[in-house]
């Protein structure tokens, strides 16, 4: 939120950890499907970024995190993303109007981004929520 950037190393770490852990917890067919999901998301993300719909960091982060989500759970995950969007934007706005609190983080780029929101916060929160819910209900 401070720099409105998602470092490439974060995306690489997320995807490489899936490449290493996936074969240990998934059968090879499911593993292949999830890798394909990430590749499809990367291609779609390149398109969405090129036409200005989303930021490049958000699209590459989405591609790196999508293999963690089961294909059959995509509709549930989209609901989680929708809820987290409201939560993260609401909290961002709340901090922005709270006297004293915004002064502590006044140098964050997210305060000055006209018409943009650091969606990486929403995506990462959604992935964490999904993985926790999947763990609890599996």
C-alpha atoms as a PDB file:
ATOM      1  CA  UNK A   1       0.000   0.000   0.000  1.00  0.00           C
ATOM      2  CA  UNK A   2       2.937   2.297   0.614  1.00  0.00           C
ATOM      3  CA  UNK A   3       4.392   1.954  -2.876  1.00  0.00           C
ATOM      4  CA  UNK A   4       1.408   0.389  -4.712  1.00  0.00           C
ATOM      5  CA  UNK A   5       3.737  -2.271  -6.086  1.00  0.00           C
ATOM      6  CA  UNK A   6       3.760  -6.045  -5.836  1.00  0.00           C
ATOM      7  CA  UNK A   7       7.386  -7.146  -6.099  1.00  0.00           C
ATOM      8  CA  UNK A   8       8.128  -9.861  -8.646  1.00  0.00           C
ATOM      9  CA  UNK A   9       9.909 -11.824  -5.935  1.00  0.00           C
ATOM     10  CA  UNK A  10       6.616 -12.140  -4.018  1.00  0.00           C
ATOM     11  CA  UNK A  11       4.882 -13.603  -7.074  1.00  0.00           C
ATOM     12  CA  UNK A  12       7.798 -15.928  -7.785  1.00  0.00           C
ATOM     13  CA  UNK A  13       7.884 -17.132  -4.181  1.00  0.00           C
ATOM     14  CA  UNK A  14       4.149 -17.834  -4.175  1.00  0.00           C
ATOM     15  CA  UNK A  15       4.226 -19.736  -7.460  1.00  0.00           C
ATOM     16  CA  UNK A  16       7.449 -21.645  -6.763  1.00  0.00           C
ATOM     17  CA  UNK A  17       6.124 -22.740  -3.373  1.00  0.00           C
ATOM     18  CA  UNK A  18       3.098 -24.189  -5.167  1.00  0.00           C
ATOM     19  CA  UNK A  19       5.354 -25.931  -7.700  1.00  0.00           C
ATOM     20  CA  UNK A  20       7.265 -27.552  -4.837  1.00  0.00           C
ATOM     21  CA  UNK A  21       4.368 -28.364  -2.503  1.00  0.00           C
ATOM     22  CA  UNK A  22       1.669 -29.191  -5.073  1.00  0.00           C
ATOM     23  CA  UNK A  23       2.939 -32.663  -5.978  1.00  0.00           C
ATOM     24  CA  UNK A  24       3.062 -33.562  -2.284  1.00  0.00           C
ATOM     25  CA  UNK A  25      -0.590 -32.739  -1.616  1.00  0.00           C
ATOM     26  CA  UNK A  26      -2.367 -33.162  -4.955  1.00  0.00           C
ATOM     27  CA  UNK A  27      -2.613 -35.958  -7.485  1.00  0.00           C
ATOM     28  CA  UNK A  28      -0.787 -35.186 -10.726  1.00  0.00           C
ATOM     29  CA  UNK A  29      -3.980 -34.585 -12.725  1.00  0.00           C
ATOM     30  CA  UNK A  30      -5.195 -31.932 -10.258  1.00  0.00           C
ATOM     31  CA  UNK A  31      -1.682 -30.485 -10.072  1.00  0.00           C
ATOM     32  CA  UNK A  32      -1.603 -30.077 -13.859  1.00  0.00           C
ATOM     33  CA  UNK A  33      -5.044 -28.472 -13.922  1.00  0.00           C
ATOM     34  CA  UNK A  34      -3.995 -25.938 -11.324  1.00  0.00           C
ATOM     35  CA  UNK A  35      -0.784 -25.078 -13.177  1.00  0.00           C
ATOM     36  CA  UNK A  36      -2.911 -24.565 -16.303  1.00  0.00           C
ATOM     37  CA  UNK A  37      -5.230 -22.270 -14.314  1.00  0.00           C
ATOM     38  CA  UNK A  38      -2.259 -20.102 -13.441  1.00  0.00           C
ATOM     39  CA  UNK A  39      -1.088 -19.953 -17.053  1.00  0.00           C
ATOM     40  CA  UNK A  40      -4.569 -19.022 -18.294  1.00  0.00           C
ATOM     41  CA  UNK A  41      -4.781 -16.325 -15.615  1.00  0.00           C
ATOM     42  CA  UNK A  42      -1.365 -14.982 -16.607  1.00  0.00           C
ATOM     43  CA  UNK A  43      -2.493 -14.655 -20.243  1.00  0.00           C
ATOM     44  CA  UNK A  44      -5.802 -13.068 -19.229  1.00  0.00           C
ATOM     45  CA  UNK A  45      -3.922 -10.780 -16.850  1.00  0.00           C
ATOM     46  CA  UNK A  46      -1.567  -9.610 -19.604  1.00  0.00           C
ATOM     47  CA  UNK A  47      -4.609  -8.707 -21.694  1.00  0.00           C
ATOM     48  CA  UNK A  48      -6.396  -6.979 -18.799  1.00  0.00           C
ATOM     49  CA  UNK A  49      -3.263  -5.006 -17.956  1.00  0.00           C
ATOM     50  CA  UNK A  50      -2.622  -4.024 -21.569  1.00  0.00           C
ATOM     51  CA  UNK A  51      -6.097  -2.496 -21.900  1.00  0.00           C
ATOM     52  CA  UNK A  52      -5.825  -0.766 -18.509  1.00  0.00           C
ATOM     53  CA  UNK A  53      -8.355  -2.791 -16.531  1.00  0.00           C
ATOM     54  CA  UNK A  54      -5.954  -3.845 -13.765  1.00  0.00           C
ATOM     55  CA  UNK A  55      -2.422  -3.149 -12.675  1.00  0.00           C
ATOM     56  CA  UNK A  56       0.400  -5.417 -13.783  1.00  0.00           C
ATOM     57  CA  UNK A  57       1.254  -6.429 -10.236  1.00  0.00           C
ATOM     58  CA  UNK A  58      -2.324  -7.446  -9.528  1.00  0.00           C
ATOM     59  CA  UNK A  59      -2.531  -9.596 -12.659  1.00  0.00           C
ATOM     60  CA  UNK A  60       0.772 -11.382 -12.057  1.00  0.00           C
ATOM     61  CA  UNK A  61      -0.114 -11.928  -8.375  1.00  0.00           C
ATOM     62  CA  UNK A  62      -3.498 -13.358  -9.391  1.00  0.00           C
ATOM     63  CA  UNK A  63      -1.744 -15.760 -11.773  1.00  0.00           C
ATOM     64  CA  UNK A  64       0.676 -16.853  -9.043  1.00  0.00           C
ATOM     65  CA  UNK A  65      -2.076 -17.446  -6.476  1.00  0.00           C
ATOM     66  CA  UNK A  66      -4.679 -19.117  -8.698  1.00  0.00           C
ATOM     67  CA  UNK A  67      -3.051 -22.572  -8.555  1.00  0.00           C
ATOM     68  CA  UNK A  68      -3.882 -22.626  -4.842  1.00  0.00           C
ATOM     69  CA  UNK A  69      -7.604 -22.496  -5.617  1.00  0.00           C
ATOM     70  CA  UNK A  70      -9.446 -25.607  -6.750  1.00  0.00           C
ATOM     71  CA  UNK A  71     -11.208 -25.126 -10.082  1.00  0.00           C
ATOM     72  CA  UNK A  72     -14.540 -26.140  -8.517  1.00  0.00           C
ATOM     73  CA  UNK A  73     -14.049 -23.510  -5.803  1.00  0.00           C
ATOM     74  CA  UNK A  74     -13.625 -20.549  -8.178  1.00  0.00           C
ATOM     75  CA  UNK A  75     -17.232 -19.295  -7.643  1.00  0.00           C
ATOM     76  CA  UNK A  76     -16.760 -19.436  -3.857  1.00  0.00           C
ATOM     77  CA  UNK A  77     -13.408 -17.696  -4.187  1.00  0.00           C
ATOM     78  CA  UNK A  78     -14.974 -14.900  -6.249  1.00  0.00           C
ATOM     79  CA  UNK A  79     -17.494 -14.329  -3.452  1.00  0.00           C
ATOM     80  CA  UNK A  80     -14.605 -14.136  -0.978  1.00  0.00           C
ATOM     81  CA  UNK A  81     -12.864 -11.604  -3.255  1.00  0.00           C
ATOM     82  CA  UNK A  82     -16.050  -9.521  -3.436  1.00  0.00           C
ATOM     83  CA  UNK A  83     -16.426  -9.465   0.342  1.00  0.00           C
ATOM     84  CA  UNK A  84     -12.733  -8.717   0.842  1.00  0.00           C
ATOM     85  CA  UNK A  85     -12.982  -5.880  -1.682  1.00  0.00           C
ATOM     86  CA  UNK A  86     -15.589  -4.160   0.461  1.00  0.00           C
ATOM     87  CA  UNK A  87     -13.603  -4.835   3.623  1.00  0.00           C
ATOM     88  CA  UNK A  88     -10.246  -3.642   2.287  1.00  0.00           C
ATOM     89  CA  UNK A  89     -11.631  -0.529   0.574  1.00  0.00           C
ATOM     90  CA  UNK A  90     -13.722   0.264   3.648  1.00  0.00           C
ATOM     91  CA  UNK A  91     -10.770  -0.080   5.998  1.00  0.00           C
ATOM     92  CA  UNK A  92      -8.581   1.996   3.681  1.00  0.00           C
ATOM     93  CA  UNK A  93     -11.194   4.758   3.633  1.00  0.00           C
ATOM     94  CA  UNK A  94     -11.686   4.521   7.405  1.00  0.00           C
ATOM     95  CA  UNK A  95      -7.965   4.926   8.046  1.00  0.00           C
ATOM     96  CA  UNK A  96      -7.980   7.864   5.628  1.00  0.00           C
ATOM     97  CA  UNK A  97     -10.525   9.787   7.707  1.00  0.00           C
ATOM     98  CA  UNK A  98      -9.257   8.809  11.161  1.00  0.00           C
ATOM     99  CA  UNK A  99      -7.421  11.764  12.712  1.00  0.00           C
ATOM    100  CA  UNK A 100      -3.875  10.931  13.689  1.00  0.00           C
ATOM    101  CA  UNK A 101      -3.872   7.498  12.079  1.00  0.00           C
ATOM    102  CA  UNK A 102      -3.451   8.704   8.513  1.00  0.00           C
ATOM    103  CA  UNK A 103      -0.674  11.038   9.674  1.00  0.00           C
ATOM    104  CA  UNK A 104       1.392   7.986  10.654  1.00  0.00           C
ATOM    105  CA  UNK A 105       1.242   6.660   7.092  1.00  0.00           C
ATOM    106  CA  UNK A 106       0.768   9.861   5.092  1.00  0.00           C
ATOM    107  CA  UNK A 107       3.564   8.965   2.664  1.00  0.00           C
ATOM    108  CA  UNK A 108       1.719   5.940   1.261  1.00  0.00           C
ATOM    109  CA  UNK A 109       1.110   6.168  -2.484  1.00  0.00           C
ATOM    110  CA  UNK A 110      -2.370   4.679  -2.082  1.00  0.00           C
ATOM    111  CA  UNK A 111      -3.670   7.997  -0.691  1.00  0.00           C
ATOM    112  CA  UNK A 112      -2.849   9.822  -3.915  1.00  0.00           C
ATOM    113  CA  UNK A 113      -3.801   7.205  -6.522  1.00  0.00           C
ATOM    114  CA  UNK A 114      -6.712   8.762  -8.380  1.00  0.00           C
ATOM    115  CA  UNK A 115      -9.288   6.108  -9.242  1.00  0.00           C
ATOM    116  CA  UNK A 116      -6.988   3.230  -8.273  1.00  0.00           C
ATOM    117  CA  UNK A 117      -6.874   0.955  -5.265  1.00  0.00           C
ATOM    118  CA  UNK A 118      -4.014  -1.367  -4.251  1.00  0.00           C
ATOM    119  CA  UNK A 119      -5.930  -4.559  -5.043  1.00  0.00           C
ATOM    120  CA  UNK A 120      -3.031  -6.795  -4.030  1.00  0.00           C
ATOM    121  CA  UNK A 121      -4.201  -6.319  -0.439  1.00  0.00           C
ATOM    122  CA  UNK A 122      -7.613  -7.662  -1.389  1.00  0.00           C
ATOM    123  CA  UNK A 123      -6.151 -10.565  -3.371  1.00  0.00           C
ATOM    124  CA  UNK A 124      -3.771 -11.651  -0.621  1.00  0.00           C
ATOM    125  CA  UNK A 125      -6.475 -11.358   2.040  1.00  0.00           C
ATOM    126  CA  UNK A 126      -8.828 -13.385  -0.154  1.00  0.00           C
ATOM    127  CA  UNK A 127      -6.248 -16.127  -0.642  1.00  0.00           C
ATOM    128  CA  UNK A 128      -5.595 -16.315   3.097  1.00  0.00           C
ATOM    129  CA  UNK A 129      -9.343 -16.441   3.854  1.00  0.00           C
ATOM    130  CA  UNK A 130      -9.901 -19.121   1.196  1.00  0.00           C
ATOM    131  CA  UNK A 131      -7.065 -21.312   2.459  1.00  0.00           C
ATOM    132  CA  UNK A 132      -8.264 -21.003   6.060  1.00  0.00           C
ATOM    133  CA  UNK A 133     -11.859 -21.818   5.111  1.00  0.00           C
ATOM    134  CA  UNK A 134     -10.725 -24.704   2.898  1.00  0.00           C
ATOM    135  CA  UNK A 135      -8.648 -26.094   5.760  1.00  0.00           C
ATOM    136  CA  UNK A 136     -11.486 -25.801   8.264  1.00  0.00           C
ATOM    137  CA  UNK A 137     -14.152 -27.317   6.022  1.00  0.00           C
ATOM    138  CA  UNK A 138     -12.131 -30.060   4.368  1.00  0.00           C
END
